[in-house]
Amino acid sequence: MTQFRLHPVERAFEMAKTGVFRSRSEIARAMEKDGYTMADVNQLEGTSLTRQLNGLCREAQSRLPSAAA
């Protein structure tokens, strides 16, 4: 049975919005651990895409409740 997997770029944007990751490089490492190939992860390269993913990561993390209370 074939398992459906999101396109690598779509998955990266989904992961960036969780607030779990701080950067595109953290997302790329997590995707490799999840079974995405190097060819998949290499699709996340590029200045514009890196800027977008890093921005989403920062935005998502800023929405998380502060742990230092």
N, C-alpha and C. Protein backbone atom coordinates (compact mmCIF):
# COMPACT_ATOMS: atom_id res chain seq x y z
N MET A 1 0.84 -1.18 0.00
CA MET A 1 0.00 0.00 0.00
C MET A 1 0.89 1.25 0.00
N THR A 2 0.65 2.15 -0.92
CA THR A 2 1.42 3.37 -1.04
C THR A 2 0.91 4.40 -0.04
N GLN A 3 1.85 4.99 0.69
CA GLN A 3 1.48 6.01 1.66
C GLN A 3 1.66 7.39 1.03
N PHE A 4 0.67 8.24 1.20
CA PHE A 4 0.71 9.60 0.67
C PHE A 4 1.67 10.44 1.50
N ARG A 5 2.52 11.21 0.82
CA ARG A 5 3.43 12.11 1.50
C ARG A 5 3.34 13.48 0.83
N LEU A 6 3.32 14.52 1.65
CA LEU A 6 3.25 15.88 1.12
C LEU A 6 4.50 16.21 0.32
N HIS A 7 4.34 17.10 -0.65
CA HIS A 7 5.48 17.62 -1.39
C HIS A 7 6.44 18.24 -0.37
N PRO A 8 7.75 18.10 -0.56
CA PRO A 8 8.71 18.58 0.42
C PRO A 8 8.55 20.06 0.80
N VAL A 9 8.29 20.91 -0.17
CA VAL A 9 8.14 22.34 0.14
C VAL A 9 6.87 22.57 0.95
N GLU A 10 5.80 21.90 0.58
CA GLU A 10 4.55 22.02 1.32
C GLU A 10 4.72 21.53 2.76
N ARG A 11 5.43 20.42 2.92
CA ARG A 11 5.68 19.88 4.26
C ARG A 11 6.54 20.85 5.08
N ALA A 12 7.53 21.47 4.45
CA ALA A 12 8.40 22.41 5.15
C ALA A 12 7.60 23.60 5.67
N PHE A 13 6.70 24.13 4.86
CA PHE A 13 5.87 25.25 5.30
C PHE A 13 4.96 24.82 6.46
N GLU A 14 4.42 23.63 6.37
CA GLU A 14 3.58 23.10 7.45
C GLU A 14 4.39 23.01 8.75
N MET A 15 5.60 22.50 8.65
CA MET A 15 6.45 22.35 9.83
C MET A 15 6.86 23.71 10.40
N ALA A 16 7.13 24.68 9.53
CA ALA A 16 7.55 26.01 9.98
C ALA A 16 6.46 26.67 10.82
N LYS A 17 5.22 26.40 10.50
CA LYS A 17 4.10 27.03 11.20
C LYS A 17 3.81 26.42 12.57
N THR A 18 4.47 25.32 12.92
CA THR A 18 4.21 24.66 14.21
C THR A 18 4.83 25.38 15.39
N GLY A 19 5.91 26.13 15.16
CA GLY A 19 6.61 26.78 16.26
C GLY A 19 7.67 25.89 16.89
N VAL A 20 7.82 24.69 16.39
CA VAL A 20 8.79 23.73 16.93
C VAL A 20 10.20 24.02 16.41
N PHE A 21 10.29 24.54 15.20
CA PHE A 21 11.58 24.72 14.54
C PHE A 21 11.99 26.18 14.50
N ARG A 22 13.29 26.43 14.59
CA ARG A 22 13.81 27.80 14.58
C ARG A 22 14.31 28.24 13.22
N SER A 23 14.51 27.29 12.30
CA SER A 23 15.08 27.67 11.00
C SER A 23 14.82 26.61 9.95
N ARG A 24 15.09 27.00 8.70
CA ARG A 24 14.96 26.07 7.58
C ARG A 24 15.88 24.88 7.76
N SER A 25 17.07 25.10 8.29
CA SER A 25 18.01 23.99 8.46
C SER A 25 17.50 22.98 9.49
N GLU A 26 16.83 23.42 10.54
CA GLU A 26 16.24 22.49 11.50
C GLU A 26 15.12 21.69 10.85
N ILE A 27 14.33 22.36 10.02
CA ILE A 27 13.26 21.67 9.31
C ILE A 27 13.84 20.62 8.38
N ALA A 28 14.90 20.97 7.65
CA ALA A 28 15.53 20.03 6.72
C ALA A 28 16.03 18.79 7.45
N ARG A 29 16.67 18.97 8.60
CA ARG A 29 17.16 17.82 9.37
C ARG A 29 16.01 16.94 9.83
N ALA A 30 14.93 17.57 10.28
CA ALA A 30 13.77 16.80 10.73
C ALA A 30 13.13 16.03 9.57
N MET A 31 13.10 16.65 8.41
CA MET A 31 12.52 15.97 7.25
C MET A 31 13.35 14.75 6.85
N GLU A 32 14.66 14.87 6.94
CA GLU A 32 15.52 13.72 6.65
C GLU A 32 15.21 12.58 7.62
N LYS A 33 15.05 12.91 8.89
CA LYS A 33 14.72 11.88 9.90
C LYS A 33 13.36 11.27 9.63
N ASP A 34 12.46 12.05 9.02
CA ASP A 34 11.11 11.55 8.69
C ASP A 34 11.08 10.73 7.41
N GLY A 35 12.24 10.60 6.74
CA GLY A 35 12.30 9.75 5.57
C GLY A 35 12.33 10.47 4.23
N TYR A 36 12.35 11.79 4.25
CA TYR A 36 12.50 12.51 2.99
C TYR A 36 13.93 12.33 2.49
N THR A 37 14.10 12.23 1.19
CA THR A 37 15.42 12.02 0.61
C THR A 37 16.19 13.33 0.55
N MET A 38 17.50 13.22 0.28
CA MET A 38 18.32 14.42 0.12
C MET A 38 17.81 15.25 -1.06
N ALA A 39 17.36 14.59 -2.11
CA ALA A 39 16.80 15.31 -3.26
C ALA A 39 15.58 16.11 -2.84
N ASP A 40 14.75 15.53 -1.97
CA ASP A 40 13.59 16.24 -1.45
C ASP A 40 14.02 17.45 -0.64
N VAL A 41 14.93 17.23 0.29
CA VAL A 41 15.38 18.28 1.20
C VAL A 41 16.11 19.39 0.43
N ASN A 42 16.82 19.03 -0.63
CA ASN A 42 17.53 20.04 -1.43
C ASN A 42 16.58 21.02 -2.11
N GLN A 43 15.32 20.67 -2.22
CA GLN A 43 14.33 21.58 -2.79
C GLN A 43 14.08 22.77 -1.86
N LEU A 44 14.55 22.70 -0.63
CA LEU A 44 14.36 23.79 0.33
C LEU A 44 15.46 24.83 0.26
N GLU A 45 16.42 24.64 -0.63
CA GLU A 45 17.52 25.59 -0.79
C GLU A 45 17.04 26.82 -1.53
N GLY A 46 17.77 27.88 -1.38
CA GLY A 46 17.45 29.12 -2.09
C GLY A 46 17.16 30.24 -1.11
N THR A 47 17.59 31.42 -1.48
CA THR A 47 17.47 32.58 -0.60
C THR A 47 16.03 32.92 -0.26
N SER A 48 15.18 32.96 -1.26
CA SER A 48 13.79 33.36 -1.03
C SER A 48 13.05 32.34 -0.15
N LEU A 49 13.20 31.07 -0.47
CA LEU A 49 12.53 30.04 0.30
C LEU A 49 13.07 29.99 1.73
N THR A 50 14.37 30.13 1.89
CA THR A 50 14.97 30.15 3.23
C THR A 50 14.42 31.32 4.04
N ARG A 51 14.35 32.48 3.42
CA ARG A 51 13.82 33.67 4.10
C ARG A 51 12.36 33.44 4.52
N GLN A 52 11.56 32.87 3.65
CA GLN A 52 10.16 32.62 3.96
C GLN A 52 10.01 31.63 5.12
N LEU A 53 10.75 30.52 5.05
CA LEU A 53 10.65 29.51 6.10
C LEU A 53 11.16 30.04 7.44
N ASN A 54 12.29 30.74 7.41
CA ASN A 54 12.82 31.30 8.66
C ASN A 54 11.85 32.31 9.26
N GLY A 55 11.23 33.12 8.42
CA GLY A 55 10.24 34.08 8.89
C GLY A 55 9.04 33.41 9.52
N LEU A 56 8.55 32.35 8.89
CA LEU A 56 7.42 31.61 9.46
C LEU A 56 7.79 30.96 10.78
N CYS A 57 9.01 30.45 10.87
CA CYS A 57 9.47 29.84 12.12
C CYS A 57 9.47 30.89 13.24
N ARG A 58 10.03 32.06 12.96
CA ARG A 58 10.08 33.13 13.98
C ARG A 58 8.67 33.55 14.40
N GLU A 59 7.81 33.72 13.41
CA GLU A 59 6.44 34.14 13.69
C GLU A 59 5.72 33.10 14.55
N ALA A 60 5.86 31.84 14.19
CA ALA A 60 5.20 30.77 14.93
C ALA A 60 5.74 30.68 16.35
N GLN A 61 7.06 30.83 16.50
CA GLN A 61 7.64 30.76 17.84
C GLN A 61 7.21 31.94 18.70
N SER A 62 7.00 33.09 18.09
CA SER A 62 6.58 34.25 18.87
C SER A 62 5.17 34.08 19.42
N ARG A 63 4.39 33.20 18.83
CA ARG A 63 3.02 32.95 19.27
C ARG A 63 2.94 31.90 20.37
N LEU A 64 4.04 31.19 20.61
CA LEU A 64 4.04 30.18 21.65
C LEU A 64 4.05 30.83 23.03
N PRO A 65 3.38 30.23 24.01
CA PRO A 65 3.44 30.78 25.37
C PRO A 65 4.87 30.74 25.89
N SER A 66 5.25 31.75 26.61
CA SER A 66 6.60 31.83 27.16
C SER A 66 6.80 30.78 28.24
N ALA A 67 7.93 30.06 28.16
CA ALA A 67 8.23 29.01 29.15
C ALA A 67 8.81 29.60 30.41
N ALA A 68 9.38 30.78 30.33
CA ALA A 68 9.99 31.42 31.49
C ALA A 68 8.96 32.29 32.20
N ALA A 69 8.26 31.68 33.14
CA ALA A 69 7.23 32.44 33.87
C ALA A 69 7.44 32.34 35.35
